[in-house]
Amino acid sequence: MPELPEVETVRLGLAPVLEGHIILAARLRRGDLRVPFPPRFAERLTGRKVERLFRRAKYILAALDSGETLVIHLGMSGRMSVYAEGERRKLGNYVYDTAPDGAGEGKHDHVVLETDAPARIIFNDHRRFGLMTLVPSNRLDDDKLFAGLGVEPLSASFNAAHLAKMLKGKKTPIKSALLDQRLIAGLGNIYVCEALFRARISPKRLAGSIDAKHIAALARAIKQVLKSAITAGGSTLRDHAQATGDPGNFQHRFLVYGREGLRCKGKCPGTVKRIVQSGRSSFYCPRCQK
């Protein structure tokens, strides 16, 4: 499943052709994804201006001038492809191809949006675990998709003091605590492994036992690894692609994730080990991470 950096990368790719633009037409090629589309979904999108494009946890949100917000979740395999009309054009920091014949007509192309950028945006999801819906903008925080979500790890609110408060007294492993979306929104398995390595903390340590020095290092590491991953376009392990269609590159910079049995990239002769915690693989160096 795409994690925060992958979702943010897609949002950045959509922004030049969606934020501040009007959705001229919306076309649905089926009646549902993970859940049914809301009533009159295409009609409620058509003619609407996107006033703001932002992210909450692993959701992309487009605030519309109608007072509703378009909510997009990529699920396991969802992709947002962007095509700009005419010759190859540069929109913001992204370059898109002209839409080829049949773009939007593929077997797994489920939603097609035409904007006045001009551009065509196609939501493709062969597993159909993704989601698109509309939520009243003034009730977004109370919606079942967002109620109870924790702090955004890239926000100013997330710092060492906030992290220490969240972890105080917790008897669960730090790896499990960091994956709890009620504490930190959008943080996923790959980047928790990478951040714990950078902070030199074992994923097996009890969350409430970590001292102030290591909590400060962990808060910094979480922000650093997420920012680096976004700059690299996210990590492509299976399905993720940027809005341009290009794969992410951060997987080439992993220090521990997926490196079981390989030499530690830290300053030690250790070997990366894999364990399973709550059904998820944890990669770490037993010598570096205490």
C-alpha atoms as a PDB file:
ATOM      1  CA  MET A   1       0.000   0.000   0.000  1.00  0.00           C
ATOM      2  CA  PRO A   2       1.348   3.472  -0.827  1.00  0.00           C
ATOM      3  CA  GLU A   3       2.598   5.228   2.283  1.00  0.00           C
ATOM      4  CA  LEU A   4       2.728   8.939   3.073  1.00  0.00           C
ATOM      5  CA  PRO A   5       5.626   9.861   0.713  1.00  0.00           C
ATOM      6  CA  GLU A   6       4.035   8.043  -2.225  1.00  0.00           C
ATOM      7  CA  VAL A   7       0.670   9.732  -1.635  1.00  0.00           C
ATOM      8  CA  GLU A   8       2.319  13.139  -1.246  1.00  0.00           C
ATOM      9  CA  THR A   9       4.271  12.577  -4.465  1.00  0.00           C
ATOM     10  CA  VAL A  10       1.022  11.890  -6.322  1.00  0.00           C
ATOM     11  CA  ARG A  11      -0.556  15.000  -4.769  1.00  0.00           C
ATOM     12  CA  LEU A  12       2.359  17.136  -5.941  1.00  0.00           C
ATOM     13  CA  GLY A  13       1.954  15.726  -9.443  1.00  0.00           C
ATOM     14  CA  LEU A  14      -1.774  16.470  -9.490  1.00  0.00           C
ATOM     15  CA  ALA A  15      -1.491  19.999  -8.091  1.00  0.00           C
ATOM     16  CA  PRO A  16      -0.431  21.823 -11.298  1.00  0.00           C
ATOM     17  CA  VAL A  17      -3.418  20.463 -13.257  1.00  0.00           C
ATOM     18  CA  LEU A  18      -6.030  20.306 -10.500  1.00  0.00           C
ATOM     19  CA  GLU A  19      -5.507  22.953  -7.823  1.00  0.00           C
ATOM     20  CA  GLY A  20      -7.094  26.228  -8.940  1.00  0.00           C
ATOM     21  CA  HIS A  21      -8.600  24.516 -11.992  1.00  0.00           C
ATOM     22  CA  ILE A  22     -12.138  23.569 -12.987  1.00  0.00           C
ATOM     23  CA  ILE A  23     -13.253  19.984 -13.524  1.00  0.00           C
ATOM     24  CA  LEU A  24     -14.892  20.286 -16.923  1.00  0.00           C
ATOM     25  CA  ALA A  25     -16.145  16.718 -17.017  1.00  0.00           C
ATOM     26  CA  ALA A  26     -16.109  13.603 -14.871  1.00  0.00           C
ATOM     27  CA  ARG A  27     -16.712  10.101 -16.205  1.00  0.00           C
ATOM     28  CA  LEU A  28     -17.222   6.906 -14.199  1.00  0.00           C
ATOM     29  CA  ARG A  29     -16.631   3.573 -15.894  1.00  0.00           C
ATOM     30  CA  ARG A  30     -18.075   1.465 -13.073  1.00  0.00           C
ATOM     31  CA  GLY A  31     -20.335   1.988 -10.078  1.00  0.00           C
ATOM     32  CA  ASP A  32     -17.882   1.400  -7.290  1.00  0.00           C
ATOM     33  CA  LEU A  33     -14.329   0.857  -6.095  1.00  0.00           C
ATOM     34  CA  ARG A  34     -13.843  -0.371  -2.529  1.00  0.00           C
ATOM     35  CA  VAL A  35     -17.201   1.220  -1.782  1.00  0.00           C
ATOM     36  CA  PRO A  36     -19.894   2.563  -4.136  1.00  0.00           C
ATOM     37  CA  PHE A  37     -19.473   6.070  -5.511  1.00  0.00           C
ATOM     38  CA  PRO A  38     -21.862   8.546  -3.844  1.00  0.00           C
ATOM     39  CA  PRO A  39     -25.095   9.473  -5.644  1.00  0.00           C
ATOM     40  CA  ARG A  40     -24.665  11.791  -8.662  1.00  0.00           C
ATOM     41  CA  PHE A  41     -20.905  11.643  -8.142  1.00  0.00           C
ATOM     42  CA  ALA A  42     -19.905  12.714 -11.666  1.00  0.00           C
ATOM     43  CA  GLU A  43     -22.562  15.436 -11.722  1.00  0.00           C
ATOM     44  CA  ARG A  44     -21.396  16.854  -8.376  1.00  0.00           C
ATOM     45  CA  LEU A  45     -17.809  17.064  -9.666  1.00  0.00           C
ATOM     46  CA  THR A  46     -18.553  18.562 -13.071  1.00  0.00           C
ATOM     47  CA  GLY A  47     -18.093  22.324 -13.244  1.00  0.00           C
ATOM     48  CA  ARG A  48     -16.549  22.550  -9.798  1.00  0.00           C
ATOM     49  CA  LYS A  49     -13.339  24.476  -9.100  1.00  0.00           C
ATOM     50  CA  VAL A  50     -10.671  22.865  -6.922  1.00  0.00           C
ATOM     51  CA  GLU A  51      -9.813  25.544  -4.395  1.00  0.00           C
ATOM     52  CA  ARG A  52      -7.212  23.543  -2.506  1.00  0.00           C
ATOM     53  CA  LEU A  53      -5.435  20.223  -2.958  1.00  0.00           C
ATOM     54  CA  PHE A  54      -3.965  18.755   0.207  1.00  0.00           C
ATOM     55  CA  ARG A  55      -3.201  15.501   2.004  1.00  0.00           C
ATOM     56  CA  ARG A  56      -4.380  14.000   5.286  1.00  0.00           C
ATOM     57  CA  ALA A  57      -2.652  10.778   6.326  1.00  0.00           C
ATOM     58  CA  LYS A  58      -2.742   8.606   3.174  1.00  0.00           C
ATOM     59  CA  TYR A  59      -5.675  10.458   1.566  1.00  0.00           C
ATOM     60  CA  ILE A  60      -5.560  13.099  -1.181  1.00  0.00           C
ATOM     61  CA  LEU A  61      -8.192  15.791  -0.647  1.00  0.00           C
ATOM     62  CA  ALA A  62      -9.541  18.300  -3.163  1.00  0.00           C
ATOM     63  CA  ALA A  63     -11.630  21.056  -1.577  1.00  0.00           C
ATOM     64  CA  LEU A  64     -14.275  22.130  -4.097  1.00  0.00           C
ATOM     65  CA  ASP A  65     -16.063  25.462  -4.444  1.00  0.00           C
ATOM     66  CA  SER A  66     -19.357  23.622  -3.852  1.00  0.00           C
ATOM     67  CA  GLY A  67     -18.530  23.127  -0.171  1.00  0.00           C
ATOM     68  CA  GLU A  68     -17.673  19.471  -0.656  1.00  0.00           C
ATOM     69  CA  THR A  69     -14.272  17.773  -0.609  1.00  0.00           C
ATOM     70  CA  LEU A  70     -13.272  15.050  -3.039  1.00  0.00           C
ATOM     71  CA  VAL A  71     -11.531  12.283  -1.074  1.00  0.00           C
ATOM     72  CA  ILE A  72      -9.131   9.959  -2.910  1.00  0.00           C
ATOM     73  CA  HIS A  73      -7.453   6.881  -1.457  1.00  0.00           C
ATOM     74  CA  LEU A  74      -5.124   4.860  -3.681  1.00  0.00           C
ATOM     75  CA  GLY A  75      -5.712   1.564  -1.882  1.00  0.00           C
ATOM     76  CA  MET A  76      -3.193  -1.153  -2.715  1.00  0.00           C
ATOM     77  CA  SER A  77      -2.630  -0.504  -6.410  1.00  0.00           C
ATOM     78  CA  GLY A  78      -4.339   2.762  -7.376  1.00  0.00           C
ATOM     79  CA  ARG A  79      -2.604   5.172  -9.747  1.00  0.00           C
ATOM     80  CA  MET A  80      -3.420   8.710 -10.833  1.00  0.00           C
ATOM     81  CA  SER A  81      -2.123   9.335 -14.352  1.00  0.00           C
ATOM     82  CA  VAL A  82      -2.005  12.863 -15.780  1.00  0.00           C
ATOM     83  CA  TYR A  83      -1.951  13.763 -19.471  1.00  0.00           C
ATOM     84  CA  ALA A  84      -1.719  17.345 -20.757  1.00  0.00           C
ATOM     85  CA  GLU A  85      -3.132  18.288 -24.137  1.00  0.00           C
ATOM     86  CA  GLY A  86      -0.975  19.542 -27.008  1.00  0.00           C
ATOM     87  CA  GLU A  87       2.792  19.150 -27.145  1.00  0.00           C
ATOM     88  CA  ARG A  88       4.746  18.097 -24.083  1.00  0.00           C
ATOM     89  CA  ARG A  89       4.138  20.850 -21.548  1.00  0.00           C
ATOM     90  CA  LYS A  90       5.800  21.779 -18.306  1.00  0.00           C
ATOM     91  CA  LEU A  91       3.284  22.439 -15.538  1.00  0.00           C
ATOM     92  CA  GLY A  92       4.959  23.436 -12.305  1.00  0.00           C
ATOM     93  CA  ASN A  93       7.807  20.992 -11.790  1.00  0.00           C
ATOM     94  CA  TYR A  94       6.178  18.189 -13.761  1.00  0.00           C
ATOM     95  CA  VAL A  95       6.176  17.252 -17.443  1.00  0.00           C
ATOM     96  CA  TYR A  96       3.309  15.197 -18.818  1.00  0.00           C
ATOM     97  CA  ASP A  97       2.695  13.439 -22.108  1.00  0.00           C
ATOM     98  CA  THR A  98      -0.217  14.137 -24.409  1.00  0.00           C
ATOM     99  CA  ALA A  99      -2.975  11.563 -23.829  1.00  0.00           C
ATOM    100  CA  PRO A 100      -2.577   8.645 -26.244  1.00  0.00           C
ATOM    101  CA  ASP A 101      -5.564   7.196 -28.074  1.00  0.00           C
ATOM    102  CA  GLY A 102      -7.662   5.187 -25.670  1.00  0.00           C
ATOM    103  CA  ALA A 103      -6.345   6.874 -22.504  1.00  0.00           C
ATOM    104  CA  GLY A 104      -9.073   6.359 -19.933  1.00  0.00           C
ATOM    105  CA  GLU A 105     -10.614   3.403 -21.748  1.00  0.00           C
ATOM    106  CA  GLY A 106      -8.442   0.688 -20.232  1.00  0.00           C
ATOM    107  CA  LYS A 107      -9.960  -2.239 -18.369  1.00  0.00           C
ATOM    108  CA  HIS A 108      -8.895  -0.840 -15.002  1.00  0.00           C
ATOM    109  CA  ASP A 109      -9.389   2.877 -15.778  1.00  0.00           C
ATOM    110  CA  HIS A 110     -12.318   3.615 -13.469  1.00  0.00           C
ATOM    111  CA  VAL A 111     -12.562   7.421 -13.188  1.00  0.00           C
ATOM    112  CA  VAL A 112     -11.611  10.060 -15.762  1.00  0.00           C
ATOM    113  CA  LEU A 113     -11.484  13.789 -14.984  1.00  0.00           C
ATOM    114  CA  GLU A 114     -11.001  16.500 -17.614  1.00  0.00           C
ATOM    115  CA  THR A 115      -9.757  19.853 -16.295  1.00  0.00           C
ATOM    116  CA  ASP A 116      -9.251  23.279 -17.849  1.00  0.00           C
ATOM    117  CA  ALA A 117      -5.436  23.088 -17.379  1.00  0.00           C
ATOM    118  CA  PRO A 118      -6.101  21.457 -19.906  1.00  0.00           C
ATOM    119  CA  ALA A 119      -5.418  17.950 -18.686  1.00  0.00           C
ATOM    120  CA  ARG A 120      -6.903  14.488 -18.381  1.00  0.00           C
ATOM    121  CA  ILE A 121      -6.580  12.699 -15.039  1.00  0.00           C
ATOM    122  CA  ILE A 122      -7.207   8.956 -14.920  1.00  0.00           C
ATOM    123  CA  PHE A 123      -7.676   6.855 -11.790  1.00  0.00           C
ATOM    124  CA  ASN A 124      -6.557   3.291 -12.523  1.00  0.00           C
ATOM    125  CA  ASP A 125      -6.898   0.529  -9.925  1.00  0.00           C
ATOM    126  CA  HIS A 126      -6.741  -3.106 -10.993  1.00  0.00           C
ATOM    127  CA  ARG A 127      -7.418  -4.437  -7.467  1.00  0.00           C
ATOM    128  CA  ARG A 128     -10.175  -1.901  -6.753  1.00  0.00           C
ATOM    129  CA  PHE A 129      -9.123  -1.376  -3.120  1.00  0.00           C
ATOM    130  CA  GLY A 130      -9.018   2.373  -3.716  1.00  0.00           C
ATOM    131  CA  LEU A 131     -11.712   4.865  -2.826  1.00  0.00           C
ATOM    132  CA  MET A 132     -13.253   8.054  -4.172  1.00  0.00           C
ATOM    133  CA  THR A 133     -16.030   9.858  -2.366  1.00  0.00           C
ATOM    134  CA  LEU A 134     -17.369  13.291  -1.448  1.00  0.00           C
ATOM    135  CA  VAL A 135     -17.565  14.661   2.104  1.00  0.00           C
ATOM    136  CA  PRO A 136     -18.952  18.033   3.284  1.00  0.00           C
ATOM    137  CA  SER A 137     -15.872  20.207   3.791  1.00  0.00           C
ATOM    138  CA  ASN A 138     -17.076  21.619   7.114  1.00  0.00           C
ATOM    139  CA  ARG A 139     -17.510  18.099   8.529  1.00  0.00           C
ATOM    140  CA  LEU A 140     -14.311  16.560   7.192  1.00  0.00           C
ATOM    141  CA  ASP A 141     -12.639  16.055  10.572  1.00  0.00           C
ATOM    142  CA  ASP A 142     -15.730  14.267  11.907  1.00  0.00           C
ATOM    143  CA  ASP A 143     -16.063  11.880   8.973  1.00  0.00           C
ATOM    144  CA  LYS A 144     -15.405   8.215   9.790  1.00  0.00           C
ATOM    145  CA  LEU A 145     -12.387   8.228   7.455  1.00  0.00           C
ATOM    146  CA  PHE A 146     -10.617  10.950   9.450  1.00  0.00           C
ATOM    147  CA  ALA A 147     -12.043  10.981  12.980  1.00  0.00           C
ATOM    148  CA  GLY A 148      -9.411   9.852  15.444  1.00  0.00           C
ATOM    149  CA  LEU A 149      -6.407  10.256  13.149  1.00  0.00           C
ATOM    150  CA  GLY A 150      -3.250  11.402  14.887  1.00  0.00           C
ATOM    151  CA  VAL A 151      -0.811  14.207  14.207  1.00  0.00           C
ATOM    152  CA  GLU A 152       0.725  14.722  10.764  1.00  0.00           C
ATOM    153  CA  PRO A 153       4.423  13.790  11.070  1.00  0.00           C
ATOM    154  CA  LEU A 154       5.543  16.590   8.737  1.00  0.00           C
ATOM    155  CA  SER A 155       3.568  19.262  10.569  1.00  0.00           C
ATOM    156  CA  ALA A 156       5.009  21.786  13.001  1.00  0.00           C
ATOM    157  CA  SER A 157       2.962  20.110  15.743  1.00  0.00           C
ATOM    158  CA  PHE A 158       5.041  16.953  15.512  1.00  0.00           C
ATOM    159  CA  ASN A 159       8.268  17.316  17.470  1.00  0.00           C
ATOM    160  CA  ALA A 160      10.239  15.596  20.229  1.00  0.00           C
ATOM    161  CA  ALA A 161       8.003  16.946  22.982  1.00  0.00           C
ATOM    162  CA  HIS A 162       4.853  15.754  21.227  1.00  0.00           C
ATOM    163  CA  LEU A 163       6.370  12.331  20.526  1.00  0.00           C
ATOM    164  CA  ALA A 164       7.499  11.943  24.147  1.00  0.00           C
ATOM    165  CA  LYS A 165       3.982  12.715  25.351  1.00  0.00           C
ATOM    166  CA  MET A 166       2.497  10.124  22.983  1.00  0.00           C
ATOM    167  CA  LEU A 167       4.923   7.389  24.024  1.00  0.00           C
ATOM    168  CA  LYS A 168       4.902   7.978  27.779  1.00  0.00           C
ATOM    169  CA  GLY A 169       3.889   4.858  29.657  1.00  0.00           C
ATOM    170  CA  LYS A 170       3.263   2.766  26.534  1.00  0.00           C
ATOM    171  CA  LYS A 171       4.164  -0.898  26.937  1.00  0.00           C
ATOM    172  CA  THR A 172       3.867  -1.784  23.244  1.00  0.00           C
ATOM    173  CA  PRO A 173       6.976  -2.106  21.015  1.00  0.00           C
ATOM    174  CA  ILE A 174       8.032   1.232  19.513  1.00  0.00           C
ATOM    175  CA  LYS A 175       7.479  -0.164  16.006  1.00  0.00           C
ATOM    176  CA  SER A 176       3.818  -0.894  16.778  1.00  0.00           C
ATOM    177  CA  ALA A 177       3.321   2.460  18.480  1.00  0.00           C
ATOM    178  CA  LEU A 178       4.638   4.388  15.474  1.00  0.00           C
ATOM    179  CA  LEU A 179       2.308   2.494  13.128  1.00  0.00           C
ATOM    180  CA  ASP A 180      -0.739   3.391  15.242  1.00  0.00           C
ATOM    181  CA  GLN A 181      -2.626   5.866  13.033  1.00  0.00           C
ATOM    182  CA  ARG A 182      -4.350   7.272  16.116  1.00  0.00           C
ATOM    183  CA  LEU A 183      -0.961   8.589  17.228  1.00  0.00           C
ATOM    184  CA  ILE A 184       0.762   9.500  13.949  1.00  0.00           C
ATOM    185  CA  ALA A 185      -1.225   9.741  10.719  1.00  0.00           C
ATOM    186  CA  GLY A 186       0.169   8.278   7.523  1.00  0.00           C
ATOM    187  CA  LEU A 187       3.378   6.761   8.868  1.00  0.00           C
ATOM    188  CA  GLY A 188       3.845   3.290   7.366  1.00  0.00           C
ATOM    189  CA  ASN A 189       6.020   0.215   7.724  1.00  0.00           C
ATOM    190  CA  ILE A 190       8.835   1.121   5.334  1.00  0.00           C
ATOM    191  CA  TYR A 191       9.536   4.531   6.807  1.00  0.00           C
ATOM    192  CA  VAL A 192       9.175   3.415  10.428  1.00  0.00           C
ATOM    193  CA  CYS A 193      11.906   0.821   9.810  1.00  0.00           C
ATOM    194  CA  GLU A 194      14.122   3.431   8.179  1.00  0.00           C
ATOM    195  CA  ALA A 195      13.532   6.062  10.880  1.00  0.00           C
ATOM    196  CA  LEU A 196      14.226   3.637  13.729  1.00  0.00           C
ATOM    197  CA  PHE A 197      17.522   2.685  12.107  1.00  0.00           C
ATOM    198  CA  ARG A 198      18.549   6.315  11.755  1.00  0.00           C
ATOM    199  CA  ALA A 199      17.665   6.947  15.399  1.00  0.00           C
ATOM    200  CA  ARG A 200      19.513   3.748  16.484  1.00  0.00           C
ATOM    201  CA  ILE A 201      16.454   2.326  18.244  1.00  0.00           C
ATOM    202  CA  SER A 202      15.485  -1.340  18.113  1.00  0.00           C
ATOM    203  CA  PRO A 203      11.940  -1.972  16.837  1.00  0.00           C
ATOM    204  CA  LYS A 204      11.541  -4.321  19.836  1.00  0.00           C
ATOM    205  CA  ARG A 205      12.104  -1.601  22.462  1.00  0.00           C
ATOM    206  CA  LEU A 206       9.055  -0.762  24.545  1.00  0.00           C
ATOM    207  CA  ALA A 207       7.780   2.646  23.487  1.00  0.00           C
ATOM    208  CA  GLY A 208       7.624   3.989  27.040  1.00  0.00           C
ATOM    209  CA  SER A 209      11.223   3.015  27.806  1.00  0.00           C
ATOM    210  CA  ILE A 210      12.928   5.279  25.286  1.00  0.00           C
ATOM    211  CA  ASP A 211      14.907   8.162  26.778  1.00  0.00           C
ATOM    212  CA  ALA A 212      14.627  11.809  25.809  1.00  0.00           C
ATOM    213  CA  LYS A 213      17.805  11.768  23.714  1.00  0.00           C
ATOM    214  CA  HIS A 214      16.600   8.943  21.499  1.00  0.00           C
ATOM    215  CA  ILE A 215      13.070  10.351  21.267  1.00  0.00           C
ATOM    216  CA  ALA A 216      14.537  13.599  19.919  1.00  0.00           C
ATOM    217  CA  ALA A 217      16.635  11.629  17.427  1.00  0.00           C
ATOM    218  CA  LEU A 218      13.571   9.630  16.371  1.00  0.00           C
ATOM    219  CA  ALA A 219      11.418  12.708  15.802  1.00  0.00           C
ATOM    220  CA  ARG A 220      14.152  14.179  13.590  1.00  0.00           C
ATOM    221  CA  ALA A 221      14.643  10.883  11.748  1.00  0.00           C
ATOM    222  CA  ILE A 222      10.933  10.527  10.952  1.00  0.00           C
ATOM    223  CA  LYS A 223      10.808  13.966   9.364  1.00  0.00           C
ATOM    224  CA  GLN A 224      14.106  13.477   7.530  1.00  0.00           C
ATOM    225  CA  VAL A 225      13.254  10.106   6.021  1.00  0.00           C
ATOM    226  CA  LEU A 226       9.792  11.250   4.892  1.00  0.00           C
ATOM    227  CA  LYS A 227      11.154  14.417   3.282  1.00  0.00           C
ATOM    228  CA  SER A 228      13.938  12.481   1.545  1.00  0.00           C
ATOM    229  CA  ALA A 229      11.444   9.936   0.230  1.00  0.00           C
ATOM    230  CA  ILE A 230       9.151  12.658  -1.144  1.00  0.00           C
ATOM    231  CA  THR A 231      12.101  14.314  -2.891  1.00  0.00           C
ATOM    232  CA  ALA A 232      12.947  10.936  -4.446  1.00  0.00           C
ATOM    233  CA  GLY A 233       9.380  10.435  -5.686  1.00  0.00           C
ATOM    234  CA  GLY A 234       8.511   7.803  -3.100  1.00  0.00           C
ATOM    235  CA  SER A 235       9.396   4.108  -3.135  1.00  0.00           C
ATOM    236  CA  THR A 236       8.316   1.784  -5.930  1.00  0.00           C
ATOM    237  CA  LEU A 237       8.214  -1.792  -4.728  1.00  0.00           C
ATOM    238  CA  ARG A 238       5.283  -3.024  -6.819  1.00  0.00           C
ATOM    239  CA  ASP A 239       2.571  -0.638  -8.013  1.00  0.00           C
ATOM    240  CA  HIS A 240       3.488   2.938  -7.083  1.00  0.00           C
ATOM    241  CA  ALA A 241       4.079   5.438  -9.870  1.00  0.00           C
ATOM    242  CA  GLN A 242       4.229   9.202  -9.816  1.00  0.00           C
ATOM    243  CA  ALA A 243       1.552  11.179 -11.658  1.00  0.00           C
ATOM    244  CA  THR A 244       3.932  11.352 -14.619  1.00  0.00           C
ATOM    245  CA  GLY A 245       4.035   7.561 -14.763  1.00  0.00           C
ATOM    246  CA  ASP A 246       7.631   7.410 -13.533  1.00  0.00           C
ATOM    247  CA  PRO A 247       8.525   5.071 -10.651  1.00  0.00           C
ATOM    248  CA  GLY A 248       9.818   6.396  -7.342  1.00  0.00           C
ATOM    249  CA  ASN A 249      13.508   6.104  -6.478  1.00  0.00           C
ATOM    250  CA  PHE A 250      13.738   5.995  -2.694  1.00  0.00           C
ATOM    251  CA  GLN A 251      13.903   2.179  -2.657  1.00  0.00           C
ATOM    252  CA  HIS A 252      17.479   2.556  -3.888  1.00  0.00           C
ATOM    253  CA  ARG A 253      18.290   4.470  -0.688  1.00  0.00           C
ATOM    254  CA  PHE A 254      16.933   2.004   1.868  1.00  0.00           C
ATOM    255  CA  LEU A 255      19.353   1.446   4.733  1.00  0.00           C
ATOM    256  CA  VAL A 256      17.547  -1.533   6.288  1.00  0.00           C
ATOM    257  CA  TYR A 257      14.165  -2.171   4.680  1.00  0.00           C
ATOM    258  CA  GLY A 258      14.257  -5.290   2.495  1.00  0.00           C
ATOM    259  CA  ARG A 259      17.971  -5.859   3.234  1.00  0.00           C
ATOM    260  CA  GLU A 260      17.726  -9.001   5.374  1.00  0.00           C
ATOM    261  CA  GLY A 261      21.082 -10.800   5.553  1.00  0.00           C
ATOM    262  CA  LEU A 262      23.043  -7.908   4.050  1.00  0.00           C
ATOM    263  CA  ARG A 263      25.817  -5.898   5.686  1.00  0.00           C
ATOM    264  CA  CYS A 264      24.683  -2.999   7.850  1.00  0.00           C
ATOM    265  CA  LYS A 265      25.141   0.402   6.210  1.00  0.00           C
ATOM    266  CA  GLY A 266      25.886   1.965   9.592  1.00  0.00           C
ATOM    267  CA  LYS A 267      29.298   2.130  11.233  1.00  0.00           C
ATOM    268  CA  CYS A 268      29.365  -1.473  12.350  1.00  0.00           C
ATOM    269  CA  PRO A 269      30.058  -4.953  10.925  1.00  0.00           C
ATOM    270  CA  GLY A 270      26.522  -6.126  11.715  1.00  0.00           C
ATOM    271  CA  THR A 271      24.000  -7.842   9.459  1.00  0.00           C
ATOM    272  CA  VAL A 272      20.428  -6.682   8.856  1.00  0.00           C
ATOM    273  CA  LYS A 273      17.869  -8.950  10.473  1.00  0.00           C
ATOM    274  CA  ARG A 274      14.149  -9.386   9.771  1.00  0.00           C
ATOM    275  CA  ILE A 275      11.548 -10.174  12.412  1.00  0.00           C
ATOM    276  CA  VAL A 276       7.739 -10.156  12.256  1.00  0.00           C
ATOM    277  CA  GLN A 277       5.820  -7.812  14.537  1.00  0.00           C
ATOM    278  CA  SER A 278       2.021  -7.696  14.438  1.00  0.00           C
ATOM    279  CA  GLY A 279       2.088  -9.368  11.053  1.00  0.00           C
ATOM    280  CA  ARG A 280       4.523  -6.844   9.544  1.00  0.00           C
ATOM    281  CA  SER A 281       8.190  -7.313   8.670  1.00  0.00           C
ATOM    282  CA  SER A 282      10.659  -5.269  10.697  1.00  0.00           C
ATOM    283  CA  PHE A 283      14.187  -4.837   9.371  1.00  0.00           C
ATOM    284  CA  TYR A 284      16.936  -3.660  11.722  1.00  0.00           C
ATOM    285  CA  CYS A 285      20.572  -4.050  12.705  1.00  0.00           C
ATOM    286  CA  PRO A 286      20.828  -5.745  16.139  1.00  0.00           C
ATOM    287  CA  ARG A 287      24.276  -4.187  16.676  1.00  0.00           C
ATOM    288  CA  CYS A 288      23.338  -0.592  15.833  1.00  0.00           C
ATOM    289  CA  GLN A 289      19.819  -0.531  17.200  1.00  0.00           C
ATOM    290  CA  LYS A 290      19.531  -1.156  20.927  1.00  0.00           C
END
